[in-house]
């Protein structure tokens, strides 16, 4: 990602939602790859809390259609992952940030 919002566009050439608005953190969660909760559950739980709905209501679109969850886990959490690294994506109108140290933040 660049530092200049003007350079970020979506597939249609329109400004990316990631940069076209100001985001504010509304929900924070923690992911530990050694625990029982998987990353999808943590992200969906955070988005549901931000939206004020039950996690079962956050079914569409499937998270796997927005990001490759396994690739994110490999990049951020497998041996050699970098704690300072982060992945950001827009999901259901929220911005989700997953950090290599396990912090998951949902922004609106």
PDB file of N, CA and C in Angstrom:
ATOM      1  N   UNK A   1       0.833  -1.173   0.000  1.00  0.00           N
ATOM      2  CA  UNK A   1       0.000   0.000   0.000  1.00  0.00           C
ATOM      3  C   UNK A   1       0.876   1.233   0.000  1.00  0.00           C
ATOM      4  N   UNK A   2       0.458   2.214  -0.723  1.00  0.00           N
ATOM      5  CA  UNK A   2       1.223   3.455  -0.757  1.00  0.00           C
ATOM      6  C   UNK A   2       0.726   4.405   0.318  1.00  0.00           C
ATOM      7  N   UNK A   3       1.482   5.456   0.544  1.00  0.00           N
ATOM      8  CA  UNK A   3       1.078   6.467   1.513  1.00  0.00           C
ATOM      9  C   UNK A   3       0.122   7.476   0.900  1.00  0.00           C
ATOM     10  N   UNK A   4      -0.018   7.468  -0.396  1.00  0.00           N
ATOM     11  CA  UNK A   4      -0.842   8.464  -1.070  1.00  0.00           C
ATOM     12  C   UNK A   4      -2.200   7.889  -1.441  1.00  0.00           C
ATOM     13  N   UNK A   5      -3.279   8.387  -0.837  1.00  0.00           N
ATOM     14  CA  UNK A   5      -4.603   7.866  -1.138  1.00  0.00           C
ATOM     15  C   UNK A   5      -4.961   7.967  -2.611  1.00  0.00           C
ATOM     16  N   UNK A   6      -4.465   8.984  -3.295  1.00  0.00           N
ATOM     17  CA  UNK A   6      -4.801   9.162  -4.702  1.00  0.00           C
ATOM     18  C   UNK A   6      -4.293   8.006  -5.555  1.00  0.00           C
ATOM     19  N   UNK A   7      -3.255   7.321  -5.109  1.00  0.00           N
ATOM     20  CA  UNK A   7      -2.679   6.250  -5.892  1.00  0.00           C
ATOM     21  C   UNK A   7      -3.413   4.934  -5.703  1.00  0.00           C
ATOM     22  N   UNK A   8      -4.247   4.819  -4.684  1.00  0.00           N
ATOM     23  CA  UNK A   8      -4.943   3.578  -4.406  1.00  0.00           C
ATOM     24  C   UNK A   8      -6.312   3.596  -5.076  1.00  0.00           C
ATOM     25  N   UNK A   9      -6.513   2.687  -6.018  1.00  0.00           N
ATOM     26  CA  UNK A   9      -7.796   2.587  -6.703  1.00  0.00           C
ATOM     27  C   UNK A   9      -8.252   1.138  -6.695  1.00  0.00           C
ATOM     28  N   UNK A  10      -9.567   0.945  -6.835  1.00  0.00           N
ATOM     29  CA  UNK A  10     -10.083  -0.413  -6.908  1.00  0.00           C
ATOM     30  C   UNK A  10     -10.041  -0.895  -8.360  1.00  0.00           C
ATOM     31  N   UNK A  11     -10.611  -2.053  -8.637  1.00  0.00           N
ATOM     32  CA  UNK A  11     -10.551  -2.641  -9.972  1.00  0.00           C
ATOM     33  C   UNK A  11     -11.244  -1.788 -11.019  1.00  0.00           C
ATOM     34  N   UNK A  12     -12.207  -0.960 -10.607  1.00  0.00           N
ATOM     35  CA  UNK A  12     -12.920  -0.115 -11.562  1.00  0.00           C
ATOM     36  C   UNK A  12     -12.224   1.227 -11.776  1.00  0.00           C
ATOM     37  N   UNK A  13     -11.112   1.453 -11.091  1.00  0.00           N
ATOM     38  CA  UNK A  13     -10.398   2.706 -11.214  1.00  0.00           C
ATOM     39  C   UNK A  13     -10.868   3.784 -10.251  1.00  0.00           C
ATOM     40  N   UNK A  14     -11.831   3.444  -9.385  1.00  0.00           N
ATOM     41  CA  UNK A  14     -12.337   4.388  -8.388  1.00  0.00           C
ATOM     42  C   UNK A  14     -11.429   4.374  -7.163  1.00  0.00           C
ATOM     43  N   UNK A  15     -11.406   5.465  -6.390  1.00  0.00           N
ATOM     44  CA  UNK A  15     -10.580   5.470  -5.172  1.00  0.00           C
ATOM     45  C   UNK A  15     -10.943   4.299  -4.266  1.00  0.00           C
ATOM     46  N   UNK A  16      -9.937   3.677  -3.718  1.00  0.00           N
ATOM     47  CA  UNK A  16     -10.129   2.537  -2.838  1.00  0.00           C
ATOM     48  C   UNK A  16     -10.861   2.948  -1.565  1.00  0.00           C
ATOM     49  N   UNK A  17     -11.805   2.116  -1.124  1.00  0.00           N
ATOM     50  CA  UNK A  17     -12.524   2.364   0.128  1.00  0.00           C
ATOM     51  C   UNK A  17     -11.546   2.453   1.298  1.00  0.00           C
ATOM     52  N   UNK A  18     -10.440   1.761   1.176  1.00  0.00           N
ATOM     53  CA  UNK A  18      -9.435   1.773   2.233  1.00  0.00           C
ATOM     54  C   UNK A  18      -8.949   3.190   2.511  1.00  0.00           C
ATOM     55  N   UNK A  19      -8.849   4.010   1.483  1.00  0.00           N
ATOM     56  CA  UNK A  19      -8.322   5.368   1.639  1.00  0.00           C
ATOM     57  C   UNK A  19      -9.353   6.459   1.443  1.00  0.00           C
ATOM     58  N   UNK A  20     -10.562   6.113   1.060  1.00  0.00           N
ATOM     59  CA  UNK A  20     -11.539   7.142   0.737  1.00  0.00           C
ATOM     60  C   UNK A  20     -12.312   7.635   1.955  1.00  0.00           C
ATOM     61  N   UNK A  21     -11.977   7.162   3.140  1.00  0.00           N
ATOM     62  CA  UNK A  21     -12.659   7.632   4.345  1.00  0.00           C
ATOM     63  C   UNK A  21     -11.726   7.534   5.536  1.00  0.00           C
ATOM     64  N   UNK A  22     -12.107   8.197   6.621  1.00  0.00           N
ATOM     65  CA  UNK A  22     -11.336   8.088   7.859  1.00  0.00           C
ATOM     66  C   UNK A  22     -11.895   6.932   8.662  1.00  0.00           C
ATOM     67  N   UNK A  23     -11.017   6.096   9.142  1.00  0.00           N
ATOM     68  CA  UNK A  23     -11.408   4.910   9.907  1.00  0.00           C
ATOM     69  C   UNK A  23     -11.113   5.133  11.386  1.00  0.00           C
ATOM     70  N   UNK A  24     -11.986   4.598  12.233  1.00  0.00           N
ATOM     71  CA  UNK A  24     -11.807   4.696  13.681  1.00  0.00           C
ATOM     72  C   UNK A  24     -11.932   3.296  14.281  1.00  0.00           C
ATOM     73  N   UNK A  25     -11.007   2.911  15.173  1.00  0.00           N
ATOM     74  CA  UNK A  25     -11.088   1.585  15.781  1.00  0.00           C
ATOM     75  C   UNK A  25     -12.340   1.457  16.649  1.00  0.00           C
ATOM     76  N   UNK A  26     -13.073   0.380  16.457  1.00  0.00           N
ATOM     77  CA  UNK A  26     -14.290   0.169  17.236  1.00  0.00           C
ATOM     78  C   UNK A  26     -14.288  -1.166  17.974  1.00  0.00           C
ATOM     79  N   UNK A  27     -13.410  -2.067  17.594  1.00  0.00           N
ATOM     80  CA  UNK A  27     -13.372  -3.377  18.260  1.00  0.00           C
ATOM     81  C   UNK A  27     -11.965  -3.942  18.149  1.00  0.00           C
ATOM     82  N   UNK A  28     -11.495  -4.492  19.253  1.00  0.00           N
ATOM     83  CA  UNK A  28     -10.167  -5.125  19.275  1.00  0.00           C
ATOM     84  C   UNK A  28     -10.303  -6.544  19.803  1.00  0.00           C
ATOM     85  N   UNK A  29      -9.618  -7.443  19.144  1.00  0.00           N
ATOM     86  CA  UNK A  29      -9.592  -8.846  19.546  1.00  0.00           C
ATOM     87  C   UNK A  29      -8.161  -9.328  19.517  1.00  0.00           C
ATOM     88  N   UNK A  30      -7.970 -10.529  20.050  1.00  0.00           N
ATOM     89  CA  UNK A  30      -6.648 -11.130  20.059  1.00  0.00           C
ATOM     90  C   UNK A  30      -6.718 -12.512  19.430  1.00  0.00           C
ATOM     91  N   UNK A  31      -5.730 -12.823  18.616  1.00  0.00           N
ATOM     92  CA  UNK A  31      -5.631 -14.150  18.017  1.00  0.00           C
ATOM     93  C   UNK A  31      -4.322 -14.776  18.451  1.00  0.00           C
ATOM     94  N   UNK A  32      -4.408 -15.993  18.934  1.00  0.00           N
ATOM     95  CA  UNK A  32      -3.223 -16.761  19.301  1.00  0.00           C
ATOM     96  C   UNK A  32      -3.283 -18.061  18.512  1.00  0.00           C
ATOM     97  N   UNK A  33      -2.356 -18.262  17.585  1.00  0.00           N
ATOM     98  CA  UNK A  33      -2.407 -19.471  16.763  1.00  0.00           C
ATOM     99  C   UNK A  33      -2.292 -20.760  17.571  1.00  0.00           C
ATOM    100  N   UNK A  34      -1.863 -20.653  18.817  1.00  0.00           N
ATOM    101  CA  UNK A  34      -1.754 -21.834  19.676  1.00  0.00           C
ATOM    102  C   UNK A  34      -3.055 -22.161  20.389  1.00  0.00           C
ATOM    103  N   UNK A  35      -4.037 -21.240  20.383  1.00  0.00           N
ATOM    104  CA  UNK A  35      -5.323 -21.460  21.045  1.00  0.00           C
ATOM    105  C   UNK A  35      -6.288 -22.213  20.132  1.00  0.00           C
ATOM    106  N   UNK A  36      -7.436 -22.543  20.693  1.00  0.00           N
ATOM    107  CA  UNK A  36      -8.454 -23.279  19.945  1.00  0.00           C
ATOM    108  C   UNK A  36      -9.188 -22.408  18.926  1.00  0.00           C
ATOM    109  N   UNK A  37      -9.371 -21.122  19.205  1.00  0.00           N
ATOM    110  CA  UNK A  37     -10.113 -20.250  18.295  1.00  0.00           C
ATOM    111  C   UNK A  37      -9.313 -20.043  17.014  1.00  0.00           C
ATOM    112  N   UNK A  38      -9.977 -20.217  15.876  1.00  0.00           N
ATOM    113  CA  UNK A  38      -9.269 -19.973  14.621  1.00  0.00           C
ATOM    114  C   UNK A  38      -9.401 -18.512  14.215  1.00  0.00           C
ATOM    115  N   UNK A  39      -8.592 -18.100  13.264  1.00  0.00           N
ATOM    116  CA  UNK A  39      -8.549 -16.699  12.849  1.00  0.00           C
ATOM    117  C   UNK A  39      -9.895 -16.238  12.297  1.00  0.00           C
ATOM    118  N   UNK A  40     -10.583 -17.076  11.548  1.00  0.00           N
ATOM    119  CA  UNK A  40     -11.886 -16.709  11.000  1.00  0.00           C
ATOM    120  C   UNK A  40     -12.856 -16.372  12.127  1.00  0.00           C
ATOM    121  N   UNK A  41     -12.884 -17.191  13.178  1.00  0.00           N
ATOM    122  CA  UNK A  41     -13.776 -16.962  14.312  1.00  0.00           C
ATOM    123  C   UNK A  41     -13.472 -15.634  14.991  1.00  0.00           C
ATOM    124  N   UNK A  42     -12.194 -15.327  15.152  1.00  0.00           N
ATOM    125  CA  UNK A  42     -11.797 -14.075  15.801  1.00  0.00           C
ATOM    126  C   UNK A  42     -12.202 -12.873  14.945  1.00  0.00           C
ATOM    127  N   UNK A  43     -11.943 -12.932  13.650  1.00  0.00           N
ATOM    128  CA  UNK A  43     -12.298 -11.819  12.760  1.00  0.00           C
ATOM    129  C   UNK A  43     -13.813 -11.641  12.695  1.00  0.00           C
ATOM    130  N   UNK A  44     -14.537 -12.734  12.486  1.00  0.00           N
ATOM    131  CA  UNK A  44     -16.001 -12.653  12.407  1.00  0.00           C
ATOM    132  C   UNK A  44     -16.582 -12.129  13.718  1.00  0.00           C
ATOM    133  N   UNK A  45     -16.047 -12.577  14.843  1.00  0.00           N
ATOM    134  CA  UNK A  45     -16.506 -12.088  16.143  1.00  0.00           C
ATOM    135  C   UNK A  45     -16.281 -10.594  16.302  1.00  0.00           C
ATOM    136  N   UNK A  46     -15.131 -10.108  15.840  1.00  0.00           N
ATOM    137  CA  UNK A  46     -14.834  -8.680  15.916  1.00  0.00           C
ATOM    138  C   UNK A  46     -15.736  -7.851  15.020  1.00  0.00           C
ATOM    139  N   UNK A  47     -15.961  -8.316  13.807  1.00  0.00           N
ATOM    140  CA  UNK A  47     -16.844  -7.603  12.877  1.00  0.00           C
ATOM    141  C   UNK A  47     -18.274  -7.605  13.406  1.00  0.00           C
ATOM    142  N   UNK A  48     -18.725  -8.739  13.929  1.00  0.00           N
ATOM    143  CA  UNK A  48     -20.084  -8.823  14.485  1.00  0.00           C
ATOM    144  C   UNK A  48     -20.250  -7.856  15.651  1.00  0.00           C
ATOM    145  N   UNK A  49     -19.257  -7.800  16.544  1.00  0.00           N
ATOM    146  CA  UNK A  49     -19.329  -6.880  17.675  1.00  0.00           C
ATOM    147  C   UNK A  49     -19.368  -5.429  17.187  1.00  0.00           C
ATOM    148  N   UNK A  50     -18.578  -5.115  16.172  1.00  0.00           N
ATOM    149  CA  UNK A  50     -18.570  -3.755  15.622  1.00  0.00           C
ATOM    150  C   UNK A  50     -19.917  -3.402  15.009  1.00  0.00           C
ATOM    151  N   UNK A  51     -20.574  -4.389  14.405  1.00  0.00           N
ATOM    152  CA  UNK A  51     -21.876  -4.162  13.784  1.00  0.00           C
ATOM    153  C   UNK A  51     -23.024  -4.281  14.784  1.00  0.00           C
ATOM    154  N   UNK A  52     -22.737  -4.794  15.977  1.00  0.00           N
ATOM    155  CA  UNK A  52     -23.780  -4.979  16.982  1.00  0.00           C
ATOM    156  C   UNK A  52     -24.723  -6.120  16.667  1.00  0.00           C
ATOM    157  N   UNK A  53     -24.188  -7.165  16.019  1.00  0.00           N
ATOM    158  CA  UNK A  53     -25.009  -8.318  15.660  1.00  0.00           C
ATOM    159  C   UNK A  53     -24.363  -9.600  16.175  1.00  0.00           C
ATOM    160  N   UNK A  54     -25.122 -10.679  16.139  1.00  0.00           N
ATOM    161  CA  UNK A  54     -24.608 -11.997  16.506  1.00  0.00           C
ATOM    162  C   UNK A  54     -23.629 -12.461  15.420  1.00  0.00           C
ATOM    163  N   UNK A  55     -22.546 -13.146  15.793  1.00  0.00           N
ATOM    164  CA  UNK A  55     -21.595 -13.626  14.788  1.00  0.00           C
ATOM    165  C   UNK A  55     -22.233 -14.473  13.687  1.00  0.00           C
ATOM    166  N   UNK A  56     -23.321 -15.166  13.992  1.00  0.00           N
ATOM    167  CA  UNK A  56     -23.968 -15.974  12.952  1.00  0.00           C
ATOM    168  C   UNK A  56     -24.590 -15.112  11.865  1.00  0.00           C
ATOM    169  N   UNK A  57     -24.810 -13.825  12.150  1.00  0.00           N
ATOM    170  CA  UNK A  57     -25.369 -12.912  11.154  1.00  0.00           C
ATOM    171  C   UNK A  57     -24.319 -12.427  10.160  1.00  0.00           C
ATOM    172  N   UNK A  58     -23.054 -12.691  10.474  1.00  0.00           N
ATOM    173  CA  UNK A  58     -21.953 -12.252   9.607  1.00  0.00           C
ATOM    174  C   UNK A  58     -21.538 -13.439   8.741  1.00  0.00           C
ATOM    175  N   UNK A  59     -22.398 -13.785   7.803  1.00  0.00           N
ATOM    176  CA  UNK A  59     -22.134 -14.957   6.971  1.00  0.00           C
ATOM    177  C   UNK A  59     -21.825 -14.598   5.522  1.00  0.00           C
ATOM    178  N   UNK A  60     -22.269 -13.445   5.086  1.00  0.00           N
ATOM    179  CA  UNK A  60     -22.034 -13.081   3.694  1.00  0.00           C
ATOM    180  C   UNK A  60     -21.372 -11.719   3.612  1.00  0.00           C
ATOM    181  N   UNK A  61     -20.425 -11.543   2.764  1.00  0.00           N
ATOM    182  CA  UNK A  61     -19.830 -12.630   1.990  1.00  0.00           C
ATOM    183  C   UNK A  61     -18.942 -13.483   2.884  1.00  0.00           C
ATOM    184  N   UNK A  62     -18.697 -14.725   2.495  1.00  0.00           N
ATOM    185  CA  UNK A  62     -17.782 -15.554   3.302  1.00  0.00           C
ATOM    186  C   UNK A  62     -16.410 -14.868   3.390  1.00  0.00           C
ATOM    187  N   UNK A  63     -15.811 -14.886   4.558  1.00  0.00           N
ATOM    188  CA  UNK A  63     -14.513 -14.239   4.745  1.00  0.00           C
ATOM    189  C   UNK A  63     -13.493 -14.771   3.740  1.00  0.00           C
ATOM    190  N   UNK A  64     -13.571 -16.065   3.449  1.00  0.00           N
ATOM    191  CA  UNK A  64     -12.640 -16.678   2.501  1.00  0.00           C
ATOM    192  C   UNK A  64     -12.777 -16.164   1.080  1.00  0.00           C
ATOM    193  N   UNK A  65     -13.873 -15.473   0.776  1.00  0.00           N
ATOM    194  CA  UNK A  65     -14.009 -14.883  -0.563  1.00  0.00           C
ATOM    195  C   UNK A  65     -13.356 -13.511  -0.625  1.00  0.00           C
ATOM    196  N   UNK A  66     -12.974 -12.971   0.526  1.00  0.00           N
ATOM    197  CA  UNK A  66     -12.358 -11.646   0.592  1.00  0.00           C
ATOM    198  C   UNK A  66     -10.847 -11.746   0.765  1.00  0.00           C
ATOM    199  N   UNK A  67     -10.413 -12.689   1.597  1.00  0.00           N
ATOM    200  CA  UNK A  67      -8.977 -12.903   1.813  1.00  0.00           C
ATOM    201  C   UNK A  67      -8.689 -14.397   1.826  1.00  0.00           C
ATOM    202  N   UNK A  68      -7.453 -14.749   1.593  1.00  0.00           N
ATOM    203  CA  UNK A  68      -6.997 -16.130   1.717  1.00  0.00           C
ATOM    204  C   UNK A  68      -6.508 -16.288   3.161  1.00  0.00           C
ATOM    205  N   UNK A  69      -7.380 -16.817   4.009  1.00  0.00           N
ATOM    206  CA  UNK A  69      -7.098 -16.897   5.449  1.00  0.00           C
ATOM    207  C   UNK A  69      -5.843 -17.717   5.716  1.00  0.00           C
ATOM    208  N   UNK A  70      -5.678 -18.823   5.021  1.00  0.00           N
ATOM    209  CA  UNK A  70      -4.488 -19.656   5.236  1.00  0.00           C
ATOM    210  C   UNK A  70      -3.212 -18.905   4.873  1.00  0.00           C
ATOM    211  N   UNK A  71      -3.253 -18.121   3.808  1.00  0.00           N
ATOM    212  CA  UNK A  71      -2.075 -17.345   3.415  1.00  0.00           C
ATOM    213  C   UNK A  71      -1.744 -16.287   4.467  1.00  0.00           C
ATOM    214  N   UNK A  72      -2.777 -15.650   5.022  1.00  0.00           N
ATOM    215  CA  UNK A  72      -2.556 -14.661   6.081  1.00  0.00           C
ATOM    216  C   UNK A  72      -1.929 -15.333   7.295  1.00  0.00           C
ATOM    217  N   UNK A  73      -2.452 -16.488   7.680  1.00  0.00           N
ATOM    218  CA  UNK A  73      -1.891 -17.205   8.829  1.00  0.00           C
ATOM    219  C   UNK A  73      -0.438 -17.590   8.573  1.00  0.00           C
ATOM    220  N   UNK A  74      -0.150 -18.074   7.377  1.00  0.00           N
ATOM    221  CA  UNK A  74       1.237 -18.450   7.060  1.00  0.00           C
ATOM    222  C   UNK A  74       2.145 -17.225   7.119  1.00  0.00           C
ATOM    223  N   UNK A  75       1.704 -16.129   6.524  1.00  0.00           N
ATOM    224  CA  UNK A  75       2.544 -14.930   6.447  1.00  0.00           C
ATOM    225  C   UNK A  75       2.782 -14.288   7.808  1.00  0.00           C
ATOM    226  N   UNK A  76       1.757 -14.281   8.655  1.00  0.00           N
ATOM    227  CA  UNK A  76       1.867 -13.550   9.909  1.00  0.00           C
ATOM    228  C   UNK A  76       2.234 -14.406  11.116  1.00  0.00           C
ATOM    229  N   UNK A  77       1.869 -15.685  11.106  1.00  0.00           N
ATOM    230  CA  UNK A  77       1.966 -16.444  12.349  1.00  0.00           C
ATOM    231  C   UNK A  77       2.843 -17.695  12.308  1.00  0.00           C
ATOM    232  N   UNK A  78       3.185 -18.178  11.128  1.00  0.00           N
ATOM    233  CA  UNK A  78       4.048 -19.350  11.102  1.00  0.00           C
ATOM    234  C   UNK A  78       5.473 -18.956  11.427  1.00  0.00           C
ATOM    235  N   UNK A  79       6.282 -19.938  11.721  1.00  0.00           N
ATOM    236  CA  UNK A  79       7.678 -19.700  12.068  1.00  0.00           C
ATOM    237  C   UNK A  79       8.311 -18.731  11.080  1.00  0.00           C
ATOM    238  N   UNK A  80       8.947 -17.738  11.602  1.00  0.00           N
ATOM    239  CA  UNK A  80       9.571 -16.728  10.767  1.00  0.00           C
ATOM    240  C   UNK A  80       8.665 -15.544  10.474  1.00  0.00           C
ATOM    241  N   UNK A  81       7.408 -15.592  10.954  1.00  0.00           N
ATOM    242  CA  UNK A  81       6.497 -14.456  10.770  1.00  0.00           C
ATOM    243  C   UNK A  81       7.025 -13.242  11.508  1.00  0.00           C
ATOM    244  N   UNK A  82       6.657 -12.080  11.064  1.00  0.00           N
ATOM    245  CA  UNK A  82       7.155 -10.839  11.644  1.00  0.00           C
ATOM    246  C   UNK A  82       6.052 -10.204  12.483  1.00  0.00           C
ATOM    247  N   UNK A  83       6.323 -10.008  13.773  1.00  0.00           N
ATOM    248  CA  UNK A  83       5.316  -9.432  14.672  1.00  0.00           C
ATOM    249  C   UNK A  83       4.848  -8.059  14.222  1.00  0.00           C
ATOM    250  N   UNK A  84       5.717  -7.283  13.611  1.00  0.00           N
ATOM    251  CA  UNK A  84       5.355  -5.922  13.202  1.00  0.00           C
ATOM    252  C   UNK A  84       4.580  -5.903  11.885  1.00  0.00           C
ATOM    253  N   UNK A  85       4.494  -7.030  11.207  1.00  0.00           N
ATOM    254  CA  UNK A  85       3.771  -7.086   9.933  1.00  0.00           C
ATOM    255  C   UNK A  85       2.265  -6.994  10.175  1.00  0.00           C
ATOM    256  N   UNK A  86       1.542  -6.535   9.159  1.00  0.00           N
ATOM    257  CA  UNK A  86       0.090  -6.424   9.279  1.00  0.00           C
ATOM    258  C   UNK A  86      -0.557  -6.641   7.923  1.00  0.00           C
ATOM    259  N   UNK A  87      -1.794  -7.083   7.966  1.00  0.00           N
ATOM    260  CA  UNK A  87      -2.618  -7.255   6.774  1.00  0.00           C
ATOM    261  C   UNK A  87      -3.889  -6.468   7.008  1.00  0.00           C
ATOM    262  N   UNK A  88      -4.291  -5.668   6.040  1.00  0.00           N
ATOM    263  CA  UNK A  88      -5.530  -4.889   6.151  1.00  0.00           C
ATOM    264  C   UNK A  88      -6.419  -5.204   4.956  1.00  0.00           C
ATOM    265  N   UNK A  89      -7.713  -5.267   5.223  1.00  0.00           N
ATOM    266  CA  UNK A  89      -8.668  -5.501   4.150  1.00  0.00           C
ATOM    267  C   UNK A  89     -10.030  -4.970   4.572  1.00  0.00           C
ATOM    268  N   UNK A  90     -10.855  -4.679   3.591  1.00  0.00           N
ATOM    269  CA  UNK A  90     -12.210  -4.201   3.844  1.00  0.00           C
ATOM    270  C   UNK A  90     -13.151  -5.400   3.778  1.00  0.00           C
ATOM    271  N   UNK A  91     -13.978  -5.533   4.821  1.00  0.00           N
ATOM    272  CA  UNK A  91     -14.931  -6.636   4.900  1.00  0.00           C
ATOM    273  C   UNK A  91     -16.240  -6.107   5.472  1.00  0.00           C
ATOM    274  N   UNK A  92     -17.319  -6.236   4.726  1.00  0.00           N
ATOM    275  CA  UNK A  92     -18.652  -5.804   5.145  1.00  0.00           C
ATOM    276  C   UNK A  92     -18.672  -4.324   5.554  1.00  0.00           C
ATOM    277  N   UNK A  93     -17.918  -3.512   4.851  1.00  0.00           N
ATOM    278  CA  UNK A  93     -17.908  -2.083   5.138  1.00  0.00           C
ATOM    279  C   UNK A  93     -17.046  -1.680   6.314  1.00  0.00           C
ATOM    280  N   UNK A  94     -16.326  -2.631   6.889  1.00  0.00           N
ATOM    281  CA  UNK A  94     -15.388  -2.322   7.966  1.00  0.00           C
ATOM    282  C   UNK A  94     -13.975  -2.572   7.460  1.00  0.00           C
ATOM    283  N   UNK A  95     -13.010  -1.935   8.091  1.00  0.00           N
ATOM    284  CA  UNK A  95     -11.611  -2.198   7.801  1.00  0.00           C
ATOM    285  C   UNK A  95     -11.100  -3.119   8.897  1.00  0.00           C
ATOM    286  N   UNK A  96     -10.523  -4.232   8.511  1.00  0.00           N
ATOM    287  CA  UNK A  96      -9.988  -5.186   9.473  1.00  0.00           C
ATOM    288  C   UNK A  96      -8.469  -5.189   9.340  1.00  0.00           C
ATOM    289  N   UNK A  97      -7.787  -5.086  10.464  1.00  0.00           N
ATOM    290  CA  UNK A  97      -6.333  -5.161  10.485  1.00  0.00           C
ATOM    291  C   UNK A  97      -5.931  -6.342  11.351  1.00  0.00           C
ATOM    292  N   UNK A  98      -5.117  -7.223  10.792  1.00  0.00           N
ATOM    293  CA  UNK A  98      -4.575  -8.369  11.528  1.00  0.00           C
ATOM    294  C   UNK A  98      -3.076  -8.155  11.609  1.00  0.00           C
ATOM    295  N   UNK A  99      -2.553  -8.141  12.825  1.00  0.00           N
ATOM    296  CA  UNK A  99      -1.121  -7.901  13.031  1.00  0.00           C
ATOM    297  C   UNK A  99      -0.414  -9.197  13.405  1.00  0.00           C
ATOM    298  N   UNK A 100       0.859  -9.242  13.113  1.00  0.00           N
ATOM    299  CA  UNK A 100       1.667 -10.421  13.397  1.00  0.00           C
ATOM    300  C   UNK A 100       1.783 -10.746  14.874  1.00  0.00           C
ATOM    301  N   UNK A 101       1.488  -9.773  15.751  1.00  0.00           N
ATOM    302  CA  UNK A 101       1.526 -10.039  17.188  1.00  0.00           C
ATOM    303  C   UNK A 101       0.186 -10.570  17.701  1.00  0.00           C
ATOM    304  N   UNK A 102      -0.769 -10.790  16.774  1.00  0.00           N
ATOM    305  CA  UNK A 102      -2.058 -11.365  17.149  1.00  0.00           C
ATOM    306  C   UNK A 102      -3.178 -10.364  17.352  1.00  0.00           C
ATOM    307  N   UNK A 103      -2.871  -9.084  17.302  1.00  0.00           N
ATOM    308  CA  UNK A 103      -3.942  -8.080  17.461  1.00  0.00           C
ATOM    309  C   UNK A 103      -4.806  -8.038  16.210  1.00  0.00           C
ATOM    310  N   UNK A 104      -6.109  -8.063  16.428  1.00  0.00           N
ATOM    311  CA  UNK A 104      -7.080  -7.923  15.343  1.00  0.00           C
ATOM    312  C   UNK A 104      -7.928  -6.710  15.692  1.00  0.00           C
ATOM    313  N   UNK A 105      -7.927  -5.705  14.834  1.00  0.00           N
ATOM    314  CA  UNK A 105      -8.668  -4.473  15.081  1.00  0.00           C
ATOM    315  C   UNK A 105      -9.674  -4.263  13.959  1.00  0.00           C
ATOM    316  N   UNK A 106     -10.894  -3.916  14.335  1.00  0.00           N
ATOM    317  CA  UNK A 106     -11.944  -3.603  13.367  1.00  0.00           C
ATOM    318  C   UNK A 106     -12.188  -2.102  13.436  1.00  0.00           C
ATOM    319  N   UNK A 107     -12.180  -1.458  12.283  1.00  0.00           N
ATOM    320  CA  UNK A 107     -12.393  -0.016  12.176  1.00  0.00           C
ATOM    321  C   UNK A 107     -13.691   0.244  11.417  1.00  0.00           C
ATOM    322  N   UNK A 108     -14.358   1.339  11.775  1.00  0.00           N
ATOM    323  CA  UNK A 108     -15.534   1.801  11.014  1.00  0.00           C
ATOM    324  C   UNK A 108     -15.304   3.240  10.631  1.00  0.00           C
TER     325      UNK A 108
END
